[in-house]
Amino acid sequence: MYKNLRWKFLTILVVAGLAVAAFWPPQARVRRGLDLQGGVHLVLQVKTDDAVNAETETAMGQLQQALKTANVSFTGAKQNGLDSFTIEGVSPASDSQFRTISDQQVSTQFDRDSLNGAYTFTMKPNMAINAKAEAVQQAIETIERRVNALGVSEPNVARYGAKGDQIVVELPGLKDVARAKDIIKSTAFLTLNLVEAGPAADQQTLLAAYGGKKPDDMDVVTGDIGDGTTPQPGFFLVQHAPAITGRDLQNAKPGMDQYNKPNVRFTLKSEGAVKFGAVTGANVGRSLAIILDNRVVSYPRIDGRIATTDAEITGNFSNQQASDLSLTLRSGALPATLTYLAQNQVGPSLGADSVRAGIIASITGLALVTLFMLVYYRMAGINAFVSIVLNLVILLGCMAYVGAVMTLPGIAGFILTIGMGVDSNVLIFERIREELATAKGVRQAVAAGFDRVFITIVDTHVSSLIAAAFLFQFGTGPIQGFATTLFFGLIANVFTSVFVSRTLFEFLLSRKPAGAATLSI
């Protein structure tokens, strides 16, 4: 009657063997979260006003450039605050054209008011709210890319607090906290701007040719000048509009320059390469300032059109600085300044205590459940014990195989898996009892019990899997850890309670004569 027992046992052994191979030894193969192996818990605040200010500044610059291109005369432009700017001195003859251009450029973001030839643009309230929300989301995504590049196991980066401008960063197992904090907070905003004047030793000398006043479409930035061995501070006058920015970068990595000194090599996107080629081709003989975080790190001379997508940043870098700068450039610039509000170090001793408590709770729960099953179902309780243990083995194997992280809530899900295994076995055993009560034979009762309870088990597990999927999708670190364990526990439980438990019953019954088969249940 049970001709397929051999391949069923072979299937069980293969699954169990693969699971054990995936997580053994557990100390090395099962990845642990912040609460189990220690690490650092950081809370940062995004200065969302910076994002609003940047939007205003960009809009003002774009409108100025469009007006100059269309030969619309105006006397000046100034930013009034975070969300407002004014264009002054628009002539009556150009008024109509000015309105048309401003409608095209900034009408979707800014409301416009006019008074005596001066136009004031104020950011719409909903646009300011959106800019702040997008700044926080972009900061989260940028920080995630940076901490992932650090090789941290399953970092957690998410919104924090009720205000919506705070971010929590959890880095399990992190050793060099100071370096990680510097990399996370570094803005790493890169621009390449044409140099109009400089370098000069002081700002007065720099602006002498301009009557001592900085032109509206230019910026004064500082940087180191000299032969590289004894750098001195200097001043540069550069065009406000950059030739390319860090957003045009495709990749960045540390390298060595022609003097065997550390530098940063970067590759441009195709659109950035086109812009770079056009700017360098039209400005041969001029200097191009490479500006990082509003400071000139180098200012090479343009000797010809640069059509390649590859370029480099040279400066007084150490190997570590070049590596860190490459990492932050690859991850993109932060949209706003970050400040650290809190830092909590989680020691590994706390994690060891949690692991120990989790193991004790799991063993105790399994022992009590096994005792109950043996008392209530007698020797059939051994069947339940084997299927539950195998369930936990498969669960650990699945988590190790996909690289999932075991957290303290995950241990709670681990213990919950024991409960689910007991629940499934109770359903099966009670159904078999009902079939035996109808005066069926033992073998027929076992077969009918498993067949009829299968739909019930699948139905309950699918419902729980849907709940686990939503927990993982919308939850953060601890909730996701619980959902991950729950998901794999449910999958393993269907296999062990239906397939493994039935195989064990069939094996025991196959060793008894058909007429003398009994079941202690």
Protein backbone atom coordinates (compact mmCIF):
# COMPACT_ATOMS: atom_id res chain seq x y z
CA MET A 1 0.00 0.00 0.00
CA TYR A 2 2.86 2.34 0.77
CA LYS A 3 5.09 1.82 -2.27
CA ASN A 4 6.31 5.45 -2.36
CA LEU A 5 7.80 5.56 1.12
CA ARG A 6 11.35 5.26 -0.16
CA TRP A 7 11.25 8.39 -2.32
CA LYS A 8 9.28 10.26 0.36
CA PHE A 9 11.99 9.57 2.95
CA LEU A 10 14.61 10.48 0.38
CA THR A 11 12.86 13.81 -0.21
CA ILE A 12 12.71 14.52 3.52
CA LEU A 13 16.41 13.68 3.97
CA VAL A 14 17.43 15.87 1.02
CA VAL A 15 15.41 18.85 2.27
CA ALA A 16 16.73 18.43 5.82
CA GLY A 17 20.31 17.99 4.57
CA LEU A 18 20.16 21.12 2.41
CA ALA A 19 18.72 23.09 5.33
CA VAL A 20 21.44 21.98 7.74
CA ALA A 21 24.15 22.67 5.15
CA ALA A 22 22.76 26.18 4.65
CA PHE A 23 22.87 27.26 8.31
CA TRP A 24 25.69 25.18 9.79
CA PRO A 25 27.57 26.37 11.77
CA PRO A 26 24.82 28.73 12.95
CA GLN A 27 27.25 31.14 14.61
CA ALA A 28 28.76 31.95 11.22
CA ARG A 29 25.92 31.33 8.76
CA VAL A 30 22.90 32.86 10.50
CA ARG A 31 23.12 36.64 10.22
CA ARG A 32 22.09 38.57 13.30
CA GLY A 33 20.54 42.01 13.55
CA LEU A 34 21.43 45.01 15.68
CA ASP A 35 19.57 43.73 18.72
CA LEU A 36 21.46 40.41 18.67
CA GLN A 37 25.03 41.24 17.64
CA GLY A 38 25.35 44.86 18.72
CA GLY A 39 26.01 47.93 16.61
CA VAL A 40 24.94 51.55 16.54
CA HIS A 41 21.55 53.27 16.54
CA LEU A 42 21.56 56.78 15.06
CA VAL A 43 18.81 59.40 14.81
CA LEU A 44 19.35 62.17 12.25
CA GLN A 45 17.37 65.27 11.37
CA VAL A 46 17.05 66.50 7.79
CA LYS A 47 17.16 70.28 7.50
CA THR A 48 14.30 70.37 5.04
CA ASP A 49 14.52 74.15 4.74
CA ASP A 50 17.70 73.57 2.73
CA ALA A 51 15.65 71.75 0.09
CA VAL A 52 13.15 74.61 -0.16
CA ASN A 53 16.00 77.10 -0.40
CA ALA A 54 17.67 75.05 -3.15
CA GLU A 55 14.43 74.91 -5.14
CA THR A 56 14.05 78.69 -4.87
CA GLU A 57 17.66 79.33 -5.84
CA THR A 58 17.44 76.97 -8.81
CA ALA A 59 14.20 78.52 -10.05
CA MET A 60 15.66 82.02 -9.79
CA GLY A 61 18.78 80.98 -11.71
CA GLN A 62 16.79 79.26 -14.45
CA LEU A 63 14.53 82.29 -14.86
CA GLN A 64 17.53 84.65 -15.05
CA GLN A 65 19.17 82.48 -17.69
CA ALA A 66 15.95 82.28 -19.75
CA LEU A 67 15.52 86.06 -19.59
CA LYS A 68 19.10 86.66 -20.75
CA THR A 69 18.70 84.21 -23.60
CA ALA A 70 15.53 86.04 -24.73
CA ASN A 71 17.25 89.48 -24.32
CA VAL A 72 14.72 90.61 -21.73
CA SER A 73 16.26 93.48 -19.77
CA PHE A 74 16.16 93.59 -15.95
CA THR A 75 18.41 95.24 -13.40
CA GLY A 76 18.88 92.43 -10.90
CA ALA A 77 17.61 89.46 -8.96
CA LYS A 78 17.67 88.71 -5.27
CA GLN A 79 16.43 85.94 -3.01
CA ASN A 80 14.20 87.25 -0.23
CA GLY A 81 14.05 84.12 1.89
CA LEU A 82 13.80 80.37 1.73
CA ASP A 83 10.81 80.38 -0.59
CA SER A 84 10.79 83.76 -2.32
CA PHE A 85 12.84 85.78 -4.82
CA THR A 86 12.46 89.06 -6.72
CA ILE A 87 13.37 90.11 -10.27
CA GLU A 88 13.88 93.87 -10.35
CA GLY A 89 13.92 96.53 -13.03
CA VAL A 90 11.87 94.90 -15.75
CA SER A 91 11.23 97.54 -18.41
CA PRO A 92 7.62 98.23 -19.49
CA ALA A 93 8.52 97.29 -23.05
CA SER A 94 9.61 93.83 -21.94
CA ASP A 95 6.81 93.31 -19.44
CA SER A 96 4.66 91.10 -21.65
CA GLN A 97 7.58 88.95 -22.72
CA PHE A 98 8.75 88.68 -19.12
CA ARG A 99 5.35 87.40 -18.01
CA THR A 100 5.31 84.81 -20.78
CA ILE A 101 8.77 83.49 -19.92
CA SER A 102 8.10 83.43 -16.17
CA ASP A 103 4.87 81.53 -16.80
CA GLN A 104 6.82 78.93 -18.76
CA GLN A 105 9.64 78.64 -16.25
CA VAL A 106 8.23 78.87 -12.71
CA SER A 107 4.43 79.20 -12.76
CA THR A 108 3.86 75.63 -11.60
CA GLN A 109 5.94 76.18 -8.46
CA PHE A 110 5.65 79.89 -7.63
CA ASP A 111 2.95 82.53 -7.32
CA ARG A 112 3.81 85.90 -8.89
CA ASP A 113 3.16 89.45 -7.63
CA SER A 114 4.27 92.72 -9.25
CA LEU A 115 4.96 96.22 -7.99
CA ASN A 116 6.59 99.07 -9.96
CA GLY A 117 8.47 96.86 -12.38
CA ALA A 118 9.60 94.40 -9.71
CA TYR A 119 8.20 90.89 -9.67
CA THR A 120 8.19 88.78 -6.52
CA PHE A 121 7.82 85.02 -6.78
CA THR A 122 6.70 83.02 -3.73
CA MET A 123 6.69 79.25 -3.61
CA LYS A 124 3.24 77.68 -3.44
CA PRO A 125 2.55 76.07 -0.03
CA ASN A 126 1.95 72.61 -1.46
CA MET A 127 5.21 72.78 -3.42
CA ALA A 128 7.13 73.63 -0.24
CA ILE A 129 5.54 70.68 1.57
CA ASN A 130 6.40 68.37 -1.34
CA ALA A 131 9.98 69.65 -1.47
CA LYS A 132 10.47 68.89 2.22
CA ALA A 133 8.93 65.42 1.97
CA GLU A 134 11.00 64.59 -1.11
CA ALA A 135 14.15 65.79 0.66
CA VAL A 136 13.59 63.32 3.50
CA GLN A 137 12.83 60.45 1.12
CA GLN A 138 15.85 61.23 -1.04
CA ALA A 139 18.03 61.41 2.07
CA ILE A 140 16.78 57.97 3.15
CA GLU A 141 17.58 56.48 -0.26
CA THR A 142 21.02 58.13 -0.35
CA ILE A 143 21.90 56.95 3.17
CA GLU A 144 20.75 53.41 2.29
CA ARG A 145 23.10 53.33 -0.69
CA ARG A 146 25.98 54.58 1.43
CA VAL A 147 25.58 52.18 4.34
CA ASN A 148 25.02 49.26 1.94
CA ALA A 149 28.35 50.11 0.34
CA LEU A 150 29.95 49.94 3.79
CA GLY A 151 29.11 46.23 3.89
CA VAL A 152 26.86 46.46 6.95
CA SER A 153 24.60 43.42 7.42
CA GLU A 154 20.95 44.39 6.87
CA PRO A 155 21.03 48.06 7.89
CA ASN A 156 17.73 49.69 8.77
CA VAL A 157 17.11 53.20 7.43
CA ALA A 158 13.61 54.65 7.88
CA ARG A 159 11.61 57.72 8.85
CA TYR A 160 11.46 58.38 12.55
CA GLY A 161 9.26 60.48 14.82
CA ALA A 162 6.02 62.36 14.27
CA LYS A 163 7.49 65.46 12.59
CA GLY A 164 8.54 63.55 9.49
CA ASP A 165 11.98 65.19 9.18
CA GLN A 166 13.94 62.62 11.21
CA ILE A 167 15.62 59.40 10.08
CA VAL A 168 16.68 56.40 12.14
CA VAL A 169 19.76 54.45 11.02
CA GLU A 170 20.60 51.09 12.61
CA LEU A 171 23.93 49.52 11.67
CA PRO A 172 24.40 45.99 13.10
CA GLY A 173 27.93 44.86 13.86
CA LEU A 174 29.52 48.17 12.85
CA LYS A 175 33.05 48.71 14.15
CA ASP A 176 34.19 52.12 12.84
CA VAL A 177 31.27 54.30 13.93
CA ALA A 178 33.07 57.63 13.39
CA ARG A 179 33.87 56.84 9.75
CA ALA A 180 30.31 55.67 9.08
CA LYS A 181 28.90 58.88 10.57
CA ASP A 182 31.17 61.00 8.39
CA ILE A 183 30.17 59.12 5.25
CA ILE A 184 26.45 59.26 6.08
CA LYS A 185 26.49 62.99 6.81
CA SER A 186 28.82 64.06 3.98
CA THR A 187 26.89 66.04 1.38
CA ALA A 188 29.44 65.26 -1.36
CA PHE A 189 27.90 67.76 -3.77
CA LEU A 190 30.11 67.92 -6.85
CA THR A 191 30.04 70.59 -9.55
CA LEU A 192 32.41 71.51 -12.38
CA ASN A 193 32.30 75.27 -13.03
CA LEU A 194 34.21 77.46 -15.47
CA VAL A 195 36.68 79.80 -13.75
CA GLU A 196 36.22 83.49 -14.60
CA ALA A 197 39.01 84.85 -12.38
CA GLY A 198 41.58 83.53 -9.96
CA PRO A 199 43.06 82.01 -8.09
CA ALA A 200 43.79 85.05 -5.95
CA ALA A 201 45.20 85.41 -2.47
CA ASP A 202 42.23 87.47 -1.26
CA GLN A 203 38.71 88.36 -2.36
CA GLN A 204 39.55 92.04 -2.95
CA THR A 205 42.19 91.16 -5.53
CA LEU A 206 39.89 88.62 -7.11
CA LEU A 207 37.10 91.15 -7.71
CA ALA A 208 39.29 94.12 -8.65
CA ALA A 209 38.37 93.82 -12.34
CA TYR A 210 34.68 93.87 -11.42
CA GLY A 211 34.72 97.02 -9.31
CA GLY A 212 34.96 95.01 -6.09
CA LYS A 213 31.46 93.58 -6.56
CA LYS A 214 30.58 89.99 -7.39
CA PRO A 215 28.49 89.67 -10.57
CA ASP A 216 25.04 88.16 -10.03
CA ASP A 217 25.70 85.20 -12.32
CA MET A 218 28.99 84.27 -10.64
CA ASP A 219 30.11 82.82 -7.29
CA VAL A 220 33.16 83.28 -5.11
CA VAL A 221 34.53 79.97 -3.78
CA THR A 222 37.64 79.08 -1.84
CA GLY A 223 40.19 76.34 -2.32
CA ASP A 224 43.81 75.40 -1.88
CA ILE A 225 46.39 76.83 -4.28
CA GLY A 226 50.10 76.22 -4.55
CA ASP A 227 52.35 73.38 -5.66
CA GLY A 228 50.43 70.68 -3.77
CA THR A 229 53.08 70.16 -1.08
CA THR A 230 52.43 73.44 0.77
CA PRO A 231 48.87 74.39 -0.13
CA GLN A 232 47.62 77.87 0.71
CA PRO A 233 44.04 79.18 0.78
CA GLY A 234 42.91 81.00 -2.34
CA PHE A 235 39.82 82.51 -3.93
CA PHE A 236 38.15 81.75 -7.25
CA LEU A 237 35.42 83.50 -9.22
CA VAL A 238 33.40 80.87 -11.09
CA GLN A 239 30.24 80.83 -13.15
CA HIS A 240 27.17 80.18 -11.03
CA ALA A 241 25.72 77.67 -13.49
CA PRO A 242 27.86 74.49 -13.41
CA ALA A 243 28.97 72.71 -16.56
CA ILE A 244 28.06 69.37 -14.99
CA THR A 245 27.12 68.21 -11.48
CA GLY A 246 27.34 65.04 -9.44
CA ARG A 247 23.96 64.03 -10.86
CA ASP A 248 25.73 63.48 -14.19
CA LEU A 249 28.03 60.85 -12.65
CA GLN A 250 27.50 57.20 -13.47
CA ASN A 251 30.25 55.75 -11.28
CA ALA A 252 33.21 56.76 -9.13
CA LYS A 253 36.13 54.80 -7.73
CA PRO A 254 39.50 55.49 -6.11
CA GLY A 255 42.63 55.42 -8.26
CA MET A 256 46.14 56.85 -8.64
CA ASP A 257 47.21 59.91 -10.64
CA GLN A 258 50.30 60.30 -12.83
CA TYR A 259 52.38 61.12 -9.74
CA ASN A 260 51.21 57.95 -7.99
CA LYS A 261 49.04 59.92 -5.57
CA PRO A 262 45.50 58.89 -4.61
CA ASN A 263 42.72 60.42 -6.68
CA VAL A 264 39.11 59.74 -7.60
CA ARG A 265 38.20 58.55 -11.09
CA PHE A 266 34.63 59.05 -12.25
CA THR A 267 32.57 58.10 -15.28
CA LEU A 268 29.90 60.36 -16.72
CA LYS A 269 26.50 59.38 -17.99
CA SER A 270 25.98 59.81 -21.72
CA GLU A 271 24.03 63.06 -21.26
CA GLY A 272 26.70 64.40 -18.93
CA ALA A 273 29.45 63.49 -21.40
CA VAL A 274 27.67 65.45 -24.15
CA LYS A 275 27.39 68.54 -21.93
CA PHE A 276 31.00 68.16 -20.76
CA GLY A 277 32.25 67.86 -24.34
CA ALA A 278 30.34 70.97 -25.42
CA VAL A 279 31.63 73.07 -22.51
CA THR A 280 35.26 71.99 -22.84
CA GLY A 281 35.19 72.40 -26.63
CA ALA A 282 33.92 75.98 -26.36
CA ASN A 283 36.33 77.01 -23.57
CA VAL A 284 39.77 75.75 -24.59
CA GLY A 285 42.49 77.54 -22.65
CA ARG A 286 40.32 78.33 -19.64
CA SER A 287 40.37 76.63 -16.24
CA LEU A 288 37.62 74.39 -14.97
CA ALA A 289 37.12 74.33 -11.20
CA ILE A 290 36.20 70.99 -9.67
CA ILE A 291 34.15 72.02 -6.65
CA LEU A 292 33.26 69.56 -3.90
CA ASP A 293 30.96 70.75 -1.12
CA ASN A 294 31.48 74.40 -2.16
CA ARG A 295 35.28 74.13 -2.10
CA VAL A 296 37.66 73.95 -5.06
CA VAL A 297 39.71 70.75 -4.91
CA SER A 298 41.44 71.26 -8.28
CA TYR A 299 41.26 73.60 -11.26
CA PRO A 300 42.78 71.98 -14.36
CA ARG A 301 43.31 73.86 -17.62
CA ILE A 302 41.16 72.83 -20.58
CA ASP A 303 43.61 71.99 -23.36
CA GLY A 304 41.02 70.63 -25.79
CA ARG A 305 37.55 69.23 -26.16
CA ILE A 306 37.04 66.31 -23.77
CA ALA A 307 34.77 63.83 -25.51
CA THR A 308 35.41 60.86 -23.22
CA THR A 309 33.10 59.83 -20.39
CA ASP A 310 36.05 59.32 -18.00
CA ALA A 311 37.58 62.03 -15.81
CA GLU A 312 39.33 62.33 -12.45
CA ILE A 313 39.51 64.49 -9.34
CA THR A 314 42.97 65.18 -7.98
CA GLY A 315 43.85 66.75 -4.67
CA ASN A 316 45.58 66.15 -1.36
CA PHE A 317 43.75 62.87 -0.67
CA SER A 318 44.80 59.94 1.46
CA ASN A 319 43.87 56.46 0.27
CA GLN A 320 41.03 56.31 2.80
CA GLN A 321 39.74 59.77 1.83
CA ALA A 322 39.76 58.84 -1.86
CA SER A 323 37.86 55.65 -1.09
CA ASP A 324 35.27 57.44 1.07
CA LEU A 325 34.81 60.24 -1.47
CA SER A 326 34.24 57.67 -4.22
CA LEU A 327 31.60 55.98 -2.09
CA THR A 328 29.70 59.19 -1.36
CA LEU A 329 29.86 60.32 -5.01
CA ARG A 330 28.51 56.96 -6.17
CA SER A 331 25.61 57.16 -3.75
CA GLY A 332 24.64 60.69 -4.83
CA ALA A 333 24.54 63.99 -3.02
CA LEU A 334 22.29 64.55 -0.05
CA PRO A 335 19.45 66.98 -0.82
CA ALA A 336 19.79 68.77 2.54
CA THR A 337 22.06 69.04 5.55
CA LEU A 338 21.86 66.35 8.23
CA THR A 339 22.39 66.76 11.95
CA TYR A 340 22.80 63.96 14.50
CA LEU A 341 20.23 64.05 17.29
CA ALA A 342 21.09 60.80 19.08
CA GLN A 343 23.57 57.95 19.04
CA ASN A 344 23.12 54.77 21.04
CA GLN A 345 25.73 52.04 21.07
CA VAL A 346 24.33 48.53 21.50
CA GLY A 347 26.89 46.22 23.04
CA PRO A 348 27.35 42.61 21.91
CA SER A 349 26.71 41.38 25.46
CA LEU A 350 23.08 42.49 25.16
CA GLY A 351 22.84 40.54 21.93
CA ALA A 352 24.34 37.43 23.52
CA ASP A 353 21.79 37.63 26.34
CA SER A 354 18.98 37.95 23.81
CA VAL A 355 20.19 34.94 21.83
CA ARG A 356 20.56 32.88 25.00
CA ALA A 357 17.09 33.85 26.21
CA GLY A 358 15.62 33.07 22.79
CA ILE A 359 17.22 29.62 22.69
CA ILE A 360 16.04 28.84 26.22
CA ALA A 361 12.50 30.01 25.36
CA SER A 362 12.45 27.92 22.18
CA ILE A 363 13.72 24.75 23.88
CA THR A 364 11.34 25.24 26.82
CA GLY A 365 8.39 25.80 24.52
CA LEU A 366 9.26 22.78 22.40
CA ALA A 367 9.67 20.59 25.51
CA LEU A 368 6.33 21.63 27.01
CA VAL A 369 4.55 21.17 23.69
CA THR A 370 6.10 17.73 23.25
CA LEU A 371 5.08 16.75 26.78
CA PHE A 372 1.50 17.82 26.11
CA MET A 373 1.36 15.91 22.81
CA LEU A 374 2.76 12.75 24.45
CA VAL A 375 0.25 12.92 27.30
CA TYR A 376 -2.74 13.70 25.13
CA TYR A 377 -1.93 11.68 21.99
CA ARG A 378 0.50 9.19 23.53
CA MET A 379 3.11 7.78 21.12
CA ALA A 380 1.66 9.73 18.19
CA GLY A 381 3.08 12.81 19.93
CA ILE A 382 6.55 11.71 18.78
CA ASN A 383 5.34 12.24 15.23
CA ALA A 384 4.42 15.84 16.08
CA PHE A 385 7.79 16.39 17.80
CA VAL A 386 9.75 15.21 14.74
CA SER A 387 7.74 17.36 12.33
CA ILE A 388 8.10 20.48 14.53
CA VAL A 389 11.88 20.01 14.92
CA LEU A 390 12.25 19.52 11.18
CA ASN A 391 10.12 22.62 10.67
CA LEU A 392 12.57 24.70 12.72
CA VAL A 393 15.56 23.20 10.87
CA ILE A 394 14.06 24.11 7.50
CA LEU A 395 13.19 27.59 8.77
CA LEU A 396 16.81 28.24 9.80
CA GLY A 397 18.07 26.85 6.51
CA CYS A 398 15.79 29.11 4.46
CA MET A 399 16.84 32.20 6.41
CA ALA A 400 20.53 31.39 6.02
CA TYR A 401 20.12 30.60 2.32
CA VAL A 402 18.48 33.93 1.40
CA GLY A 403 20.67 35.93 3.81
CA ALA A 404 17.78 37.00 6.05
CA VAL A 405 18.71 38.51 9.39
CA MET A 406 17.64 37.01 12.69
CA THR A 407 16.40 39.70 15.08
CA LEU A 408 14.80 39.61 18.51
CA PRO A 409 11.29 39.88 16.99
CA GLY A 410 12.47 37.17 14.59
CA ILE A 411 13.08 34.89 17.56
CA ALA A 412 9.48 35.60 18.58
CA GLY A 413 8.46 34.45 15.11
CA PHE A 414 10.66 31.40 15.61
CA ILE A 415 8.76 30.48 18.79
CA LEU A 416 5.45 31.24 17.04
CA THR A 417 6.45 28.66 14.42
CA ILE A 418 6.43 26.01 17.17
CA GLY A 419 2.88 27.02 18.01
CA MET A 420 1.83 26.84 14.36
CA GLY A 421 3.36 23.38 14.08
CA VAL A 422 1.42 22.19 17.12
CA ASP A 423 -1.79 23.71 15.78
CA SER A 424 -1.44 21.93 12.44
CA ASN A 425 -0.69 18.59 14.10
CA VAL A 426 -3.67 18.95 16.45
CA LEU A 427 -5.93 19.59 13.46
CA ILE A 428 -4.60 16.47 11.76
CA PHE A 429 -4.79 14.24 14.83
CA GLU A 430 -8.32 15.32 15.71
CA ARG A 431 -9.45 14.73 12.15
CA ILE A 432 -7.96 11.23 12.26
CA ARG A 433 -9.82 10.62 15.54
CA GLU A 434 -13.06 11.60 13.86
CA GLU A 435 -12.40 9.22 11.00
CA LEU A 436 -11.59 6.39 13.45
CA ALA A 437 -14.89 7.07 15.22
CA THR A 438 -16.74 6.16 11.99
CA ALA A 439 -15.40 2.61 12.31
CA LYS A 440 -12.97 3.00 9.44
CA GLY A 441 -9.74 1.07 9.41
CA VAL A 442 -6.64 2.77 10.78
CA ARG A 443 -4.97 3.15 7.41
CA GLN A 444 -8.12 4.52 5.78
CA ALA A 445 -8.65 6.88 8.72
CA VAL A 446 -5.11 8.28 8.40
CA ALA A 447 -5.45 8.77 4.64
CA ALA A 448 -8.88 10.41 4.95
CA GLY A 449 -7.75 12.59 7.85
CA PHE A 450 -4.80 14.03 5.94
CA ASP A 451 -6.77 14.46 2.72
CA ARG A 452 -9.63 16.33 4.36
CA VAL A 453 -7.54 18.56 6.60
CA PHE A 454 -5.19 19.58 3.77
CA ILE A 455 -7.47 22.35 2.45
CA THR A 456 -7.96 23.74 5.95
CA ILE A 457 -4.20 23.91 6.59
CA VAL A 458 -3.48 25.51 3.20
CA ASP A 459 -6.27 28.06 3.73
CA THR A 460 -5.03 29.16 7.15
CA HIS A 461 -1.42 29.33 6.01
CA VAL A 462 -2.18 31.34 2.88
CA SER A 463 -4.09 33.87 5.00
CA SER A 464 -1.12 34.15 7.35
CA LEU A 465 1.31 34.47 4.42
CA ILE A 466 -0.68 37.45 3.13
CA ALA A 467 -0.47 39.06 6.57
CA ALA A 468 3.30 38.38 6.69
CA ALA A 469 3.74 39.95 3.24
CA PHE A 470 1.98 43.14 4.35
CA LEU A 471 4.02 43.27 7.55
CA PHE A 472 7.23 43.01 5.55
CA GLN A 473 6.13 45.54 2.91
CA PHE A 474 4.95 48.28 5.25
CA GLY A 475 6.93 47.52 8.41
CA THR A 476 10.41 48.64 9.37
CA GLY A 477 13.40 46.75 10.82
CA PRO A 478 11.92 44.81 13.81
CA ILE A 479 8.57 44.20 12.10
CA GLN A 480 10.30 43.01 8.94
CA GLY A 481 12.42 40.62 11.01
CA PHE A 482 9.30 39.09 12.51
CA ALA A 483 7.58 38.91 9.11
CA THR A 484 10.57 37.17 7.53
CA THR A 485 10.67 34.44 10.17
CA LEU A 486 6.89 34.06 10.02
CA PHE A 487 6.96 33.69 6.23
CA PHE A 488 9.55 30.92 6.13
CA GLY A 489 8.00 29.25 9.18
CA LEU A 490 4.64 29.03 7.41
CA ILE A 491 6.16 27.56 4.25
CA ALA A 492 8.12 24.97 6.25
CA ASN A 493 5.10 24.11 8.38
CA VAL A 494 2.95 23.14 5.39
CA PHE A 495 5.68 20.74 4.25
CA THR A 496 6.31 19.16 7.65
CA SER A 497 2.74 18.91 8.94
CA VAL A 498 1.29 17.51 5.73
CA PHE A 499 4.12 15.65 4.01
CA VAL A 500 6.53 14.66 6.79
CA SER A 501 3.89 13.79 9.40
CA ARG A 502 1.94 11.68 6.92
CA THR A 503 5.08 9.86 5.80
CA LEU A 504 5.89 8.97 9.41
CA PHE A 505 2.38 7.59 10.00
CA GLU A 506 2.57 5.57 6.79
CA PHE A 507 5.97 4.19 7.74
CA LEU A 508 4.73 3.00 11.16
CA LEU A 509 1.59 1.42 9.70
CA SER A 510 3.54 -0.28 6.90
CA ARG A 511 5.46 -2.30 9.49
CA LYS A 512 2.28 -3.83 10.93
CA PRO A 513 -0.04 -6.42 9.39
CA ALA A 514 -3.13 -4.86 7.80
CA GLY A 515 -5.54 -6.47 10.25
CA ALA A 516 -3.48 -5.70 13.36
CA ALA A 517 -2.65 -2.05 12.64
CA THR A 518 -3.37 0.26 15.59
CA LEU A 519 -2.76 3.92 16.28
CA SER A 520 -2.17 5.51 19.69
CA ILE A 521 -4.01 8.75 19.12
